[in-house]
Amino acid sequence: MKPLIEIHRIGTDAYGYRISALGGDGQDKSGSGAFDSLEHCLFDAGASLGTYFSRVELNLEGMFLGSCSTDTLRRNPKGVAQRIRQHFQPA
């Protein structure tokens, strides 16, 4: 099973996310506060999954981005955010 991290923009420079599994209820992390950058949002999402899952699927504002290792989210969230901005241009 691969969890899905659904990232959504809350404000100009604020992001939140929700983690869900196929057929399950999601764990909404946006209610506990917004993250001031996409990088912080990605890092927190990866850290919250710990080492329980090796890979996750990413979704940004309803657009499927692909799969990513949770280790990469924790160790290089800036690089992941750069790739997202380069290839997907979040609105």
N, C-alpha and C. Protein backbone atom coordinates (compact mmCIF):
# COMPACT_ATOMS: atom_id res chain seq x y z
N MET A 1 0.84 -1.18 0.00
CA MET A 1 0.00 0.00 0.00
C MET A 1 0.89 1.24 0.00
N LYS A 2 0.57 2.18 -0.87
CA LYS A 2 1.27 3.46 -0.93
C LYS A 2 0.31 4.55 -0.46
N PRO A 3 0.69 5.32 0.54
CA PRO A 3 -0.15 6.44 0.93
C PRO A 3 -0.14 7.53 -0.14
N LEU A 4 -1.16 8.35 -0.12
CA LEU A 4 -1.27 9.49 -1.02
C LEU A 4 -1.17 10.76 -0.18
N ILE A 5 -0.24 11.64 -0.54
CA ILE A 5 -0.13 12.95 0.11
C ILE A 5 -0.77 13.96 -0.84
N GLU A 6 -1.86 14.55 -0.39
CA GLU A 6 -2.57 15.56 -1.17
C GLU A 6 -2.18 16.92 -0.62
N ILE A 7 -1.42 17.67 -1.41
CA ILE A 7 -0.95 18.99 -1.00
C ILE A 7 -1.88 20.04 -1.58
N HIS A 8 -2.24 21.02 -0.75
CA HIS A 8 -3.08 22.10 -1.25
C HIS A 8 -2.56 23.44 -0.72
N ARG A 9 -2.76 24.44 -1.54
CA ARG A 9 -2.34 25.79 -1.17
C ARG A 9 -3.43 26.41 -0.31
N ILE A 10 -3.01 26.98 0.81
CA ILE A 10 -3.94 27.62 1.73
C ILE A 10 -3.93 29.13 1.53
N GLY A 11 -2.79 29.67 1.19
CA GLY A 11 -2.63 31.11 0.98
C GLY A 11 -1.49 31.34 0.01
N THR A 12 -1.05 32.59 -0.08
CA THR A 12 0.01 32.94 -1.02
C THR A 12 1.25 32.08 -0.83
N ASP A 13 1.74 32.00 0.38
CA ASP A 13 2.91 31.17 0.68
C ASP A 13 2.60 30.20 1.80
N ALA A 14 1.46 29.57 1.73
CA ALA A 14 1.06 28.63 2.79
C ALA A 14 0.48 27.37 2.17
N TYR A 15 0.89 26.23 2.71
CA TYR A 15 0.47 24.94 2.20
C TYR A 15 0.01 24.05 3.35
N GLY A 16 -0.86 23.13 3.02
CA GLY A 16 -1.29 22.10 3.95
C GLY A 16 -1.32 20.79 3.20
N TYR A 17 -1.50 19.72 3.92
CA TYR A 17 -1.58 18.43 3.25
C TYR A 17 -2.49 17.48 4.00
N ARG A 18 -2.87 16.44 3.28
CA ARG A 18 -3.72 15.38 3.82
C ARG A 18 -3.10 14.07 3.36
N ILE A 19 -3.00 13.13 4.27
CA ILE A 19 -2.48 11.81 3.92
C ILE A 19 -3.64 10.83 3.94
N SER A 20 -3.77 10.08 2.87
CA SER A 20 -4.84 9.09 2.82
C SER A 20 -4.33 7.81 2.19
N ALA A 21 -5.09 6.76 2.38
CA ALA A 21 -4.80 5.47 1.77
C ALA A 21 -6.03 5.06 0.98
N LEU A 22 -5.83 4.27 -0.03
CA LEU A 22 -6.93 3.83 -0.86
C LEU A 22 -8.03 3.21 -0.01
N GLY A 23 -9.22 3.78 -0.08
CA GLY A 23 -10.35 3.24 0.65
C GLY A 23 -10.40 3.62 2.11
N GLY A 24 -9.50 4.49 2.56
CA GLY A 24 -9.50 4.85 3.97
C GLY A 24 -9.75 6.32 4.18
N ASP A 25 -10.02 6.69 5.42
CA ASP A 25 -10.17 8.09 5.77
C ASP A 25 -8.79 8.72 5.84
N GLY A 26 -8.71 9.98 5.49
CA GLY A 26 -7.43 10.67 5.50
C GLY A 26 -7.13 11.30 6.83
N GLN A 27 -5.87 11.57 7.03
CA GLN A 27 -5.40 12.29 8.20
C GLN A 27 -5.10 13.70 7.71
N ASP A 28 -5.90 14.68 8.09
CA ASP A 28 -5.76 16.04 7.59
C ASP A 28 -4.78 16.82 8.46
N LYS A 29 -3.66 17.24 7.87
CA LYS A 29 -2.66 17.98 8.62
C LYS A 29 -2.79 19.49 8.41
N SER A 30 -3.73 19.92 7.57
CA SER A 30 -3.85 21.35 7.34
C SER A 30 -4.56 22.02 8.50
N GLY A 31 -5.38 21.30 9.24
CA GLY A 31 -6.12 21.87 10.36
C GLY A 31 -5.22 22.28 11.51
N SER A 32 -4.05 21.70 11.62
CA SER A 32 -3.15 22.02 12.73
C SER A 32 -2.29 23.24 12.41
N GLY A 33 -2.49 23.84 11.28
CA GLY A 33 -1.72 25.01 10.90
C GLY A 33 -1.18 24.89 9.50
N ALA A 34 -0.82 26.00 8.94
CA ALA A 34 -0.28 26.03 7.59
C ALA A 34 1.24 26.03 7.65
N PHE A 35 1.84 25.51 6.62
CA PHE A 35 3.29 25.52 6.49
C PHE A 35 3.67 26.70 5.60
N ASP A 36 4.73 27.41 5.97
CA ASP A 36 5.07 28.65 5.27
C ASP A 36 5.78 28.44 3.93
N SER A 37 6.02 27.19 3.57
CA SER A 37 6.62 26.92 2.26
C SER A 37 6.27 25.50 1.83
N LEU A 38 6.39 25.27 0.55
CA LEU A 38 6.16 23.93 0.02
C LEU A 38 7.19 22.96 0.61
N GLU A 39 8.42 23.43 0.78
CA GLU A 39 9.48 22.58 1.34
C GLU A 39 9.12 22.09 2.75
N HIS A 40 8.65 23.00 3.61
CA HIS A 40 8.28 22.61 4.97
C HIS A 40 7.11 21.64 4.97
N CYS A 41 6.17 21.86 4.08
CA CYS A 41 5.02 20.98 3.96
C CYS A 41 5.47 19.57 3.56
N LEU A 42 6.33 19.48 2.56
CA LEU A 42 6.83 18.19 2.10
C LEU A 42 7.63 17.47 3.18
N PHE A 43 8.49 18.23 3.89
CA PHE A 43 9.29 17.62 4.96
C PHE A 43 8.39 17.06 6.05
N ASP A 44 7.41 17.84 6.48
CA ASP A 44 6.52 17.39 7.55
C ASP A 44 5.74 16.15 7.13
N ALA A 45 5.28 16.14 5.89
CA ALA A 45 4.54 14.97 5.39
C ALA A 45 5.43 13.73 5.42
N GLY A 46 6.66 13.86 4.95
CA GLY A 46 7.59 12.73 4.97
C GLY A 46 7.93 12.29 6.38
N ALA A 47 8.14 13.26 7.27
CA ALA A 47 8.48 12.94 8.66
C ALA A 47 7.31 12.27 9.37
N SER A 48 6.09 12.68 9.05
CA SER A 48 4.93 12.10 9.74
C SER A 48 4.72 10.63 9.36
N LEU A 49 5.22 10.24 8.19
CA LEU A 49 5.11 8.84 7.77
C LEU A 49 6.25 7.99 8.31
N GLY A 50 7.30 8.65 8.78
CA GLY A 50 8.43 7.94 9.36
C GLY A 50 9.01 6.93 8.38
N THR A 51 9.38 5.78 8.90
CA THR A 51 9.96 4.74 8.06
C THR A 51 8.95 3.63 7.78
N TYR A 52 7.69 3.91 8.08
CA TYR A 52 6.64 2.90 7.88
C TYR A 52 6.36 2.63 6.40
N PHE A 53 6.58 3.65 5.56
CA PHE A 53 6.32 3.52 4.13
C PHE A 53 7.56 3.97 3.37
N SER A 54 7.97 3.20 2.38
CA SER A 54 9.16 3.58 1.62
C SER A 54 8.84 4.60 0.53
N ARG A 55 7.62 4.57 -0.01
CA ARG A 55 7.23 5.49 -1.09
C ARG A 55 5.83 6.02 -0.86
N VAL A 56 5.58 7.19 -1.41
CA VAL A 56 4.25 7.80 -1.36
C VAL A 56 3.92 8.34 -2.75
N GLU A 57 2.65 8.54 -2.98
CA GLU A 57 2.21 9.22 -4.19
C GLU A 57 1.89 10.66 -3.81
N LEU A 58 2.19 11.59 -4.71
CA LEU A 58 1.98 13.01 -4.45
C LEU A 58 0.92 13.57 -5.39
N ASN A 59 0.11 14.44 -4.84
CA ASN A 59 -0.95 15.11 -5.56
C ASN A 59 -0.89 16.57 -5.15
N LEU A 60 -0.88 17.50 -6.10
CA LEU A 60 -0.85 18.93 -5.80
C LEU A 60 -2.06 19.60 -6.43
N GLU A 61 -2.91 20.15 -5.59
CA GLU A 61 -4.11 20.85 -6.07
C GLU A 61 -4.92 19.99 -7.05
N GLY A 62 -5.04 18.71 -6.74
CA GLY A 62 -5.84 17.82 -7.58
C GLY A 62 -5.10 17.20 -8.75
N MET A 63 -3.83 17.58 -8.96
CA MET A 63 -3.06 17.04 -10.08
C MET A 63 -2.08 15.99 -9.56
N PHE A 64 -2.14 14.79 -10.13
CA PHE A 64 -1.23 13.72 -9.73
C PHE A 64 0.17 14.04 -10.22
N LEU A 65 1.15 14.02 -9.29
CA LEU A 65 2.53 14.35 -9.64
C LEU A 65 3.41 13.13 -9.85
N GLY A 66 3.09 12.04 -9.17
CA GLY A 66 3.91 10.84 -9.28
C GLY A 66 4.23 10.29 -7.91
N SER A 67 5.26 9.45 -7.88
CA SER A 67 5.65 8.76 -6.66
C SER A 67 7.01 9.28 -6.20
N CYS A 68 7.23 9.26 -4.90
CA CYS A 68 8.47 9.77 -4.32
C CYS A 68 8.81 8.95 -3.09
N SER A 69 10.08 8.78 -2.80
CA SER A 69 10.45 8.05 -1.58
C SER A 69 10.25 8.97 -0.37
N THR A 70 9.81 8.40 0.73
CA THR A 70 9.63 9.19 1.95
C THR A 70 10.99 9.68 2.45
N ASP A 71 12.03 8.92 2.21
CA ASP A 71 13.37 9.33 2.60
C ASP A 71 13.77 10.62 1.89
N THR A 72 13.44 10.74 0.61
CA THR A 72 13.75 11.95 -0.15
C THR A 72 12.96 13.14 0.39
N LEU A 73 11.71 12.93 0.77
CA LEU A 73 10.91 14.02 1.34
C LEU A 73 11.55 14.53 2.63
N ARG A 74 12.10 13.64 3.42
CA ARG A 74 12.73 14.04 4.68
C ARG A 74 14.11 14.65 4.47
N ARG A 75 14.90 14.09 3.56
CA ARG A 75 16.29 14.52 3.39
C ARG A 75 16.48 15.67 2.39
N ASN A 76 15.59 15.76 1.41
CA ASN A 76 15.76 16.78 0.38
C ASN A 76 14.42 17.39 -0.05
N PRO A 77 13.67 17.96 0.89
CA PRO A 77 12.38 18.55 0.51
C PRO A 77 12.54 19.74 -0.43
N LYS A 78 13.67 20.45 -0.31
CA LYS A 78 13.90 21.59 -1.20
C LYS A 78 14.04 21.12 -2.65
N GLY A 79 14.75 20.03 -2.87
CA GLY A 79 14.91 19.49 -4.22
C GLY A 79 13.59 19.01 -4.80
N VAL A 80 12.77 18.36 -3.98
CA VAL A 80 11.46 17.90 -4.45
C VAL A 80 10.59 19.10 -4.80
N ALA A 81 10.60 20.13 -3.95
CA ALA A 81 9.81 21.33 -4.22
C ALA A 81 10.27 22.02 -5.51
N GLN A 82 11.59 22.07 -5.73
CA GLN A 82 12.11 22.67 -6.97
C GLN A 82 11.61 21.92 -8.20
N ARG A 83 11.65 20.60 -8.14
CA ARG A 83 11.16 19.80 -9.28
C ARG A 83 9.68 20.03 -9.52
N ILE A 84 8.92 20.12 -8.46
CA ILE A 84 7.48 20.37 -8.60
C ILE A 84 7.27 21.72 -9.26
N ARG A 85 7.98 22.74 -8.80
CA ARG A 85 7.83 24.08 -9.39
C ARG A 85 8.28 24.11 -10.85
N GLN A 86 9.36 23.42 -11.16
CA GLN A 86 9.88 23.38 -12.53
C GLN A 86 8.90 22.73 -13.50
N HIS A 87 8.35 21.61 -13.09
CA HIS A 87 7.57 20.81 -14.02
C HIS A 87 6.07 21.01 -13.93
N PHE A 88 5.59 21.53 -12.81
CA PHE A 88 4.14 21.58 -12.64
C PHE A 88 3.60 22.98 -12.37
N GLN A 89 4.46 23.95 -12.12
CA GLN A 89 4.04 25.33 -11.94
C GLN A 89 2.77 25.46 -11.11
N PRO A 90 2.83 25.25 -9.77
CA PRO A 90 1.62 25.39 -8.96
C PRO A 90 1.02 26.78 -9.09
N ALA A 91 -0.29 26.83 -9.19
CA ALA A 91 -0.99 28.10 -9.38
C ALA A 91 -1.08 28.89 -8.11
